[in-house]
Amino acid sequence: MAPWIIPALKAVLPHVGTIVAATKPMFTKPEAGEADPAVEQQIAELQAAAAQNDANIRELAGQLQKTVTALESAAAQAEDKTRRMTQLCWGAMGVSVLALAVAFTALFAS
């Protein structure tokens, strides 16, 4: 056993009874016909929070969908630009090879 566990248990064990006594009402079922207003208020608050979370998630999903659509559009535009730039580079290389051939021809022809 780790040496730090025994002092920790000695510090916690005296308080276990009060912890259990404090939490026991929350984990026991109320008797039939007995409704705790605090529990019902907590349930109502949790339901309201769940409804608010649902609305927030729907809003975030819509924003995420718009973002993904915009990213896809930007990616398509970037791909088109890259394709055009690649074609221009190949064309420039062709022109430079042609110019090099004309220069060598002019150099060795004279």
N, C-alpha and C. Protein backbone atom coordinates (compact mmCIF):
# COMPACT_ATOMS: atom_id res chain seq x y z
N MET A 1 0.83 -1.18 0.00
CA MET A 1 0.00 0.00 0.00
C MET A 1 0.87 1.25 0.00
N ALA A 2 0.42 2.27 -0.68
CA ALA A 2 1.20 3.50 -0.74
C ALA A 2 1.21 4.17 0.64
N PRO A 3 2.34 4.77 1.01
CA PRO A 3 2.43 5.37 2.35
C PRO A 3 1.52 6.56 2.56
N TRP A 4 1.04 7.21 1.53
CA TRP A 4 0.20 8.40 1.69
C TRP A 4 -1.26 8.05 1.92
N ILE A 5 -1.66 6.79 1.66
CA ILE A 5 -3.07 6.40 1.78
C ILE A 5 -3.52 6.39 3.23
N ILE A 6 -2.70 5.88 4.15
CA ILE A 6 -3.11 5.76 5.55
C ILE A 6 -3.40 7.13 6.18
N PRO A 7 -2.52 8.13 6.05
CA PRO A 7 -2.88 9.44 6.60
C PRO A 7 -4.11 10.06 5.94
N ALA A 8 -4.29 9.81 4.65
CA ALA A 8 -5.47 10.33 3.96
C ALA A 8 -6.74 9.68 4.51
N LEU A 9 -6.70 8.37 4.72
CA LEU A 9 -7.86 7.69 5.28
C LEU A 9 -8.16 8.17 6.70
N LYS A 10 -7.12 8.38 7.49
CA LYS A 10 -7.31 8.87 8.85
C LYS A 10 -7.94 10.26 8.85
N ALA A 11 -7.63 11.06 7.84
CA ALA A 11 -8.20 12.40 7.76
C ALA A 11 -9.65 12.38 7.28
N VAL A 12 -9.99 11.42 6.41
CA VAL A 12 -11.31 11.39 5.79
C VAL A 12 -12.32 10.59 6.61
N LEU A 13 -11.91 9.49 7.22
CA LEU A 13 -12.84 8.59 7.90
C LEU A 13 -13.72 9.26 8.96
N PRO A 14 -13.22 10.19 9.77
CA PRO A 14 -14.13 10.80 10.75
C PRO A 14 -15.29 11.57 10.13
N HIS A 15 -15.15 11.98 8.89
CA HIS A 15 -16.18 12.81 8.24
C HIS A 15 -17.13 12.01 7.36
N VAL A 16 -16.88 10.72 7.19
CA VAL A 16 -17.71 9.90 6.31
C VAL A 16 -19.15 9.86 6.80
N GLY A 17 -19.35 9.74 8.09
CA GLY A 17 -20.71 9.69 8.64
C GLY A 17 -21.50 10.94 8.32
N THR A 18 -20.90 12.10 8.47
CA THR A 18 -21.62 13.35 8.17
C THR A 18 -21.87 13.49 6.68
N ILE A 19 -20.94 13.02 5.85
CA ILE A 19 -21.14 13.08 4.39
C ILE A 19 -22.31 12.20 3.99
N VAL A 20 -22.34 10.97 4.53
CA VAL A 20 -23.44 10.05 4.20
C VAL A 20 -24.76 10.59 4.72
N ALA A 21 -24.76 11.14 5.91
CA ALA A 21 -26.00 11.69 6.47
C ALA A 21 -26.51 12.86 5.64
N ALA A 22 -25.61 13.66 5.12
CA ALA A 22 -26.02 14.82 4.33
C ALA A 22 -26.52 14.42 2.95
N THR A 23 -25.95 13.37 2.37
CA THR A 23 -26.34 12.99 1.01
C THR A 23 -27.43 11.94 0.97
N LYS A 24 -27.73 11.29 2.06
CA LYS A 24 -28.73 10.22 2.07
C LYS A 24 -30.10 10.69 1.59
N PRO A 25 -30.59 11.85 2.00
CA PRO A 25 -31.91 12.26 1.50
C PRO A 25 -31.95 12.45 -0.01
N MET A 26 -30.85 12.77 -0.63
CA MET A 26 -30.85 12.97 -2.07
C MET A 26 -30.93 11.65 -2.83
N PHE A 27 -30.49 10.56 -2.20
CA PHE A 27 -30.46 9.28 -2.89
C PHE A 27 -31.59 8.34 -2.48
N THR A 28 -32.43 8.76 -1.56
CA THR A 28 -33.56 7.93 -1.17
C THR A 28 -34.80 8.39 -1.91
N LYS A 29 -35.67 7.46 -2.18
CA LYS A 29 -36.91 7.78 -2.89
C LYS A 29 -37.90 8.36 -1.89
N PRO A 30 -38.63 9.40 -2.29
CA PRO A 30 -39.65 9.92 -1.38
C PRO A 30 -40.82 8.94 -1.29
N GLU A 31 -41.51 9.01 -0.20
CA GLU A 31 -42.68 8.14 0.00
C GLU A 31 -43.76 8.53 -1.01
N ALA A 32 -44.67 7.63 -1.24
CA ALA A 32 -45.75 7.88 -2.19
C ALA A 32 -46.56 9.08 -1.75
N GLY A 33 -46.84 9.98 -2.66
CA GLY A 33 -47.61 11.17 -2.37
C GLY A 33 -46.79 12.29 -1.75
N GLU A 34 -45.54 12.03 -1.47
CA GLU A 34 -44.69 13.04 -0.84
C GLU A 34 -43.76 13.61 -1.91
N ALA A 35 -43.95 14.86 -2.27
CA ALA A 35 -43.14 15.50 -3.30
C ALA A 35 -42.31 16.61 -2.65
N ASP A 36 -41.05 16.57 -2.89
CA ASP A 36 -40.15 17.59 -2.34
C ASP A 36 -40.10 18.76 -3.33
N PRO A 37 -40.50 19.96 -2.90
CA PRO A 37 -40.50 21.09 -3.82
C PRO A 37 -39.11 21.46 -4.31
N ALA A 38 -38.10 21.23 -3.49
CA ALA A 38 -36.73 21.54 -3.91
C ALA A 38 -36.31 20.64 -5.06
N VAL A 39 -36.67 19.37 -4.97
CA VAL A 39 -36.33 18.42 -6.04
C VAL A 39 -37.08 18.77 -7.30
N GLU A 40 -38.35 19.12 -7.17
CA GLU A 40 -39.12 19.48 -8.35
C GLU A 40 -38.59 20.76 -8.98
N GLN A 41 -38.13 21.68 -8.16
CA GLN A 41 -37.54 22.91 -8.69
C GLN A 41 -36.24 22.57 -9.42
N GLN A 42 -35.45 21.68 -8.86
CA GLN A 42 -34.21 21.28 -9.53
C GLN A 42 -34.50 20.59 -10.85
N ILE A 43 -35.53 19.76 -10.87
CA ILE A 43 -35.91 19.08 -12.12
C ILE A 43 -36.34 20.10 -13.16
N ALA A 44 -37.13 21.08 -12.74
CA ALA A 44 -37.58 22.12 -13.68
C ALA A 44 -36.39 22.93 -14.20
N GLU A 45 -35.44 23.23 -13.31
CA GLU A 45 -34.25 23.97 -13.74
C GLU A 45 -33.41 23.15 -14.71
N LEU A 46 -33.29 21.86 -14.42
CA LEU A 46 -32.54 20.99 -15.33
C LEU A 46 -33.22 20.88 -16.69
N GLN A 47 -34.56 20.79 -16.69
CA GLN A 47 -35.27 20.74 -17.96
C GLN A 47 -35.10 22.03 -18.74
N ALA A 48 -35.14 23.16 -18.05
CA ALA A 48 -34.93 24.45 -18.73
C ALA A 48 -33.52 24.54 -19.27
N ALA A 49 -32.55 24.07 -18.49
CA ALA A 49 -31.17 24.10 -18.96
C ALA A 49 -30.99 23.18 -20.16
N ALA A 50 -31.64 22.02 -20.13
CA ALA A 50 -31.55 21.10 -21.27
C ALA A 50 -32.18 21.71 -22.52
N ALA A 51 -33.29 22.40 -22.36
CA ALA A 51 -33.93 23.07 -23.50
C ALA A 51 -33.03 24.17 -24.05
N GLN A 52 -32.41 24.93 -23.15
CA GLN A 52 -31.49 25.99 -23.59
C GLN A 52 -30.28 25.38 -24.29
N ASN A 53 -29.76 24.28 -23.75
CA ASN A 53 -28.63 23.60 -24.40
C ASN A 53 -29.03 23.11 -25.79
N ASP A 54 -30.24 22.60 -25.92
CA ASP A 54 -30.72 22.13 -27.21
C ASP A 54 -30.76 23.27 -28.21
N ALA A 55 -31.28 24.42 -27.78
CA ALA A 55 -31.33 25.59 -28.67
C ALA A 55 -29.93 26.04 -29.05
N ASN A 56 -29.03 26.07 -28.07
CA ASN A 56 -27.66 26.48 -28.36
C ASN A 56 -26.97 25.51 -29.31
N ILE A 57 -27.19 24.22 -29.12
CA ILE A 57 -26.58 23.22 -29.99
C ILE A 57 -27.11 23.36 -31.41
N ARG A 58 -28.40 23.60 -31.55
CA ARG A 58 -28.97 23.79 -32.88
C ARG A 58 -28.37 25.02 -33.57
N GLU A 59 -28.21 26.10 -32.81
CA GLU A 59 -27.61 27.31 -33.36
C GLU A 59 -26.16 27.05 -33.77
N LEU A 60 -25.42 26.37 -32.91
CA LEU A 60 -24.03 26.06 -33.25
C LEU A 60 -23.93 25.13 -34.45
N ALA A 61 -24.87 24.19 -34.56
CA ALA A 61 -24.88 23.29 -35.72
C ALA A 61 -25.12 24.07 -37.01
N GLY A 62 -26.03 25.04 -36.95
CA GLY A 62 -26.26 25.88 -38.13
C GLY A 62 -25.04 26.70 -38.50
N GLN A 63 -24.39 27.26 -37.49
CA GLN A 63 -23.17 28.03 -37.76
C GLN A 63 -22.07 27.13 -38.31
N LEU A 64 -21.96 25.92 -37.76
CA LEU A 64 -20.95 24.98 -38.24
C LEU A 64 -21.23 24.59 -39.68
N GLN A 65 -22.49 24.40 -40.01
CA GLN A 65 -22.86 24.05 -41.38
C GLN A 65 -22.48 25.19 -42.34
N LYS A 66 -22.75 26.43 -41.94
CA LYS A 66 -22.38 27.58 -42.78
C LYS A 66 -20.86 27.66 -42.93
N THR A 67 -20.15 27.41 -41.85
CA THR A 67 -18.69 27.46 -41.88
C THR A 67 -18.13 26.40 -42.81
N VAL A 68 -18.65 25.18 -42.71
CA VAL A 68 -18.18 24.08 -43.56
C VAL A 68 -18.48 24.39 -45.02
N THR A 69 -19.66 24.93 -45.29
CA THR A 69 -20.00 25.29 -46.66
C THR A 69 -19.05 26.36 -47.20
N ALA A 70 -18.75 27.36 -46.36
CA ALA A 70 -17.82 28.41 -46.78
C ALA A 70 -16.42 27.85 -47.00
N LEU A 71 -16.00 26.94 -46.13
CA LEU A 71 -14.68 26.33 -46.30
C LEU A 71 -14.60 25.49 -47.58
N GLU A 72 -15.67 24.74 -47.87
CA GLU A 72 -15.69 23.96 -49.10
C GLU A 72 -15.63 24.86 -50.32
N SER A 73 -16.35 25.96 -50.27
CA SER A 73 -16.33 26.91 -51.38
C SER A 73 -14.94 27.52 -51.55
N ALA A 74 -14.33 27.92 -50.44
CA ALA A 74 -12.98 28.49 -50.50
C ALA A 74 -11.97 27.46 -50.98
N ALA A 75 -12.14 26.21 -50.59
CA ALA A 75 -11.23 25.16 -51.04
C ALA A 75 -11.36 24.93 -52.55
N ALA A 76 -12.59 24.97 -53.05
CA ALA A 76 -12.80 24.81 -54.50
C ALA A 76 -12.18 25.98 -55.26
N GLN A 77 -12.34 27.20 -54.74
CA GLN A 77 -11.73 28.35 -55.39
C GLN A 77 -10.22 28.26 -55.37
N ALA A 78 -9.66 27.83 -54.25
CA ALA A 78 -8.20 27.69 -54.14
C ALA A 78 -7.69 26.61 -55.10
N GLU A 79 -8.46 25.54 -55.24
CA GLU A 79 -8.06 24.49 -56.17
C GLU A 79 -8.08 25.00 -57.61
N ASP A 80 -9.10 25.79 -57.97
CA ASP A 80 -9.16 26.37 -59.32
C ASP A 80 -7.98 27.31 -59.56
N LYS A 81 -7.66 28.15 -58.56
CA LYS A 81 -6.51 29.06 -58.69
C LYS A 81 -5.21 28.29 -58.84
N THR A 82 -5.07 27.22 -58.06
CA THR A 82 -3.86 26.41 -58.15
C THR A 82 -3.75 25.76 -59.52
N ARG A 83 -4.86 25.27 -60.04
CA ARG A 83 -4.84 24.65 -61.36
C ARG A 83 -4.44 25.68 -62.42
N ARG A 84 -5.01 26.91 -62.33
CA ARG A 84 -4.65 27.96 -63.28
C ARG A 84 -3.17 28.34 -63.18
N MET A 85 -2.69 28.46 -61.94
CA MET A 85 -1.27 28.82 -61.74
C MET A 85 -0.35 27.72 -62.28
N THR A 86 -0.75 26.47 -62.10
CA THR A 86 0.05 25.36 -62.63
C THR A 86 0.08 25.42 -64.15
N GLN A 87 -1.06 25.70 -64.78
CA GLN A 87 -1.09 25.81 -66.23
C GLN A 87 -0.22 26.98 -66.71
N LEU A 88 -0.29 28.11 -66.00
CA LEU A 88 0.55 29.25 -66.36
C LEU A 88 2.04 28.92 -66.21
N CYS A 89 2.38 28.19 -65.17
CA CYS A 89 3.78 27.80 -64.97
C CYS A 89 4.26 26.90 -66.09
N TRP A 90 3.43 25.91 -66.48
CA TRP A 90 3.82 25.05 -67.58
C TRP A 90 3.97 25.85 -68.88
N GLY A 91 3.05 26.79 -69.09
CA GLY A 91 3.16 27.64 -70.28
C GLY A 91 4.43 28.48 -70.24
N ALA A 92 4.76 29.05 -69.08
CA ALA A 92 5.97 29.85 -68.96
C ALA A 92 7.21 28.99 -69.17
N MET A 93 7.18 27.76 -68.67
CA MET A 93 8.32 26.86 -68.90
C MET A 93 8.46 26.54 -70.39
N GLY A 94 7.33 26.32 -71.06
CA GLY A 94 7.38 26.05 -72.50
C GLY A 94 7.96 27.23 -73.27
N VAL A 95 7.52 28.45 -72.92
CA VAL A 95 8.04 29.65 -73.58
C VAL A 95 9.54 29.80 -73.31
N SER A 96 9.96 29.52 -72.07
CA SER A 96 11.39 29.66 -71.74
C SER A 96 12.22 28.61 -72.47
N VAL A 97 11.72 27.39 -72.62
CA VAL A 97 12.45 26.36 -73.38
C VAL A 97 12.53 26.77 -74.83
N LEU A 98 11.44 27.31 -75.39
CA LEU A 98 11.46 27.78 -76.77
C LEU A 98 12.46 28.92 -76.93
N ALA A 99 12.50 29.85 -75.98
CA ALA A 99 13.45 30.96 -76.05
C ALA A 99 14.88 30.44 -75.94
N LEU A 100 15.09 29.46 -75.09
CA LEU A 100 16.42 28.87 -74.95
C LEU A 100 16.85 28.19 -76.25
N ALA A 101 15.91 27.49 -76.89
CA ALA A 101 16.21 26.83 -78.17
C ALA A 101 16.54 27.87 -79.24
N VAL A 102 15.80 28.96 -79.28
CA VAL A 102 16.08 30.02 -80.26
C VAL A 102 17.44 30.64 -79.96
N ALA A 103 17.77 30.83 -78.71
CA ALA A 103 19.08 31.43 -78.35
C ALA A 103 20.21 30.51 -78.75
N PHE A 104 20.08 29.20 -78.50
CA PHE A 104 21.15 28.25 -78.88
C PHE A 104 21.27 28.18 -80.40
N THR A 105 20.12 28.21 -81.08
CA THR A 105 20.17 28.19 -82.54
C THR A 105 20.87 29.43 -83.07
N ALA A 106 20.57 30.58 -82.51
CA ALA A 106 21.21 31.82 -82.97
C ALA A 106 22.69 31.82 -82.61
N LEU A 107 23.05 31.23 -81.50
CA LEU A 107 24.45 31.20 -81.07
C LEU A 107 25.28 30.29 -81.96
N PHE A 108 24.78 29.12 -82.26
CA PHE A 108 25.56 28.14 -83.04
C PHE A 108 25.38 28.31 -84.54
N ALA A 109 24.40 29.06 -85.01
CA ALA A 109 24.17 29.25 -86.44
C ALA A 109 25.16 30.27 -87.02
N SER A 110 25.68 31.15 -86.23
CA SER A 110 26.55 32.14 -86.80
C SER A 110 27.96 31.76 -86.77
